[in-house]
Amino acid sequence: MGMGGRVDLVRRLDEELDSTKRQLDWFRRQMFGQRSERRLPTEPDPRQMLLGEMIVEPTAQEAEQKHQKVPAHTRRVAR
């Protein structure tokens, strides 16, 4: 193996080592890093339901108010 081949080999191995170090850092962060699931929120999110909380169904009057009547339409026949 000539000098040029050794230089290329060293470069390739150096790039492979850098890639492997980046992967190892990523895995360490995944295993041992701080995760959002582990942190407790300082204030509860008002959109988030609590365990055991029941969903309140809207009354019939409220449900009617949320709907809007639109005129019927016809579709054209597919070719």
Protein backbone atom coordinates (compact mmCIF):
# COMPACT_ATOMS: atom_id res chain seq x y z
CA MET A 1 0.00 0.00 0.00
CA GLY A 2 1.45 3.32 -1.08
CA MET A 3 1.50 6.60 0.79
CA GLY A 4 -1.60 7.92 -1.06
CA GLY A 5 -3.57 4.79 -0.18
CA ARG A 6 -2.67 5.14 3.49
CA VAL A 7 -3.74 8.79 3.53
CA ASP A 8 -7.09 7.85 1.97
CA LEU A 9 -7.51 5.03 4.50
CA VAL A 10 -6.78 7.38 7.41
CA ARG A 11 -9.29 9.93 6.08
CA ARG A 12 -11.98 7.29 5.64
CA LEU A 13 -11.38 5.86 9.11
CA ASP A 14 -11.39 9.37 10.60
CA GLU A 15 -14.78 10.11 8.96
CA GLU A 16 -16.12 6.78 10.18
CA LEU A 17 -14.91 7.55 13.71
CA ASP A 18 -16.61 10.98 13.64
CA SER A 19 -19.86 9.40 12.44
CA THR A 20 -19.70 6.74 15.15
CA LYS A 21 -19.05 9.39 17.83
CA ARG A 22 -22.10 11.37 16.66
CA GLN A 23 -24.23 8.23 16.83
CA LEU A 24 -22.95 7.43 20.31
CA ASP A 25 -23.74 10.97 21.48
CA TRP A 26 -27.27 10.67 20.06
CA PHE A 27 -27.82 7.32 21.81
CA ARG A 28 -26.52 8.74 25.09
CA ARG A 29 -28.96 11.66 24.83
CA GLN A 30 -31.79 9.23 24.10
CA MET A 31 -30.94 7.00 27.06
CA PHE A 32 -29.68 9.44 29.66
CA GLY A 33 -30.66 12.93 28.48
CA GLN A 34 -33.45 15.08 29.81
CA ARG A 35 -36.78 14.23 28.19
CA SER A 36 -39.93 16.30 28.11
CA GLU A 37 -41.88 13.27 29.39
CA ARG A 38 -39.80 13.17 32.54
CA ARG A 39 -40.25 16.84 33.41
CA LEU A 40 -43.34 17.84 35.33
CA PRO A 41 -45.07 20.95 34.00
CA THR A 42 -44.99 23.95 36.28
CA GLU A 43 -48.62 24.79 35.47
CA PRO A 44 -51.16 22.31 34.14
CA ASP A 45 -52.28 22.82 30.56
CA PRO A 46 -55.98 23.84 30.60
CA ARG A 47 -56.55 21.93 27.34
CA GLN A 48 -55.32 18.68 28.91
CA MET A 49 -57.90 16.56 30.70
CA LEU A 50 -57.11 15.17 34.11
CA LEU A 51 -57.23 11.48 34.92
CA GLY A 52 -60.83 10.54 35.64
CA GLU A 53 -62.25 13.77 34.21
CA MET A 54 -65.41 13.23 32.18
CA ILE A 55 -66.19 14.82 28.82
CA VAL A 56 -69.27 17.01 29.03
CA GLU A 57 -71.66 16.40 26.14
CA PRO A 58 -73.30 19.56 24.72
CA THR A 59 -77.02 19.95 25.24
CA ALA A 60 -79.39 19.64 22.26
CA GLN A 61 -79.79 23.43 22.13
CA GLU A 62 -76.03 24.00 22.10
CA ALA A 63 -75.61 21.34 19.40
CA GLU A 64 -78.24 23.05 17.20
CA GLN A 65 -76.51 26.40 17.55
CA LYS A 66 -73.27 24.92 16.23
CA HIS A 67 -74.87 23.65 13.01
CA GLN A 68 -75.70 25.75 10.01
CA LYS A 69 -78.19 24.75 7.32
CA VAL A 70 -76.95 24.94 3.74
CA PRO A 71 -78.90 24.40 0.49
CA ALA A 72 -78.79 20.92 -1.00
CA HIS A 73 -76.75 20.34 -4.13
CA THR A 74 -76.43 17.74 -6.85
CA ARG A 75 -73.28 16.15 -8.10
CA ARG A 76 -72.49 15.66 -11.72
CA VAL A 77 -72.20 12.15 -13.04
CA ALA A 78 -68.67 10.83 -13.39
CA ARG A 79 -67.58 10.14 -16.95
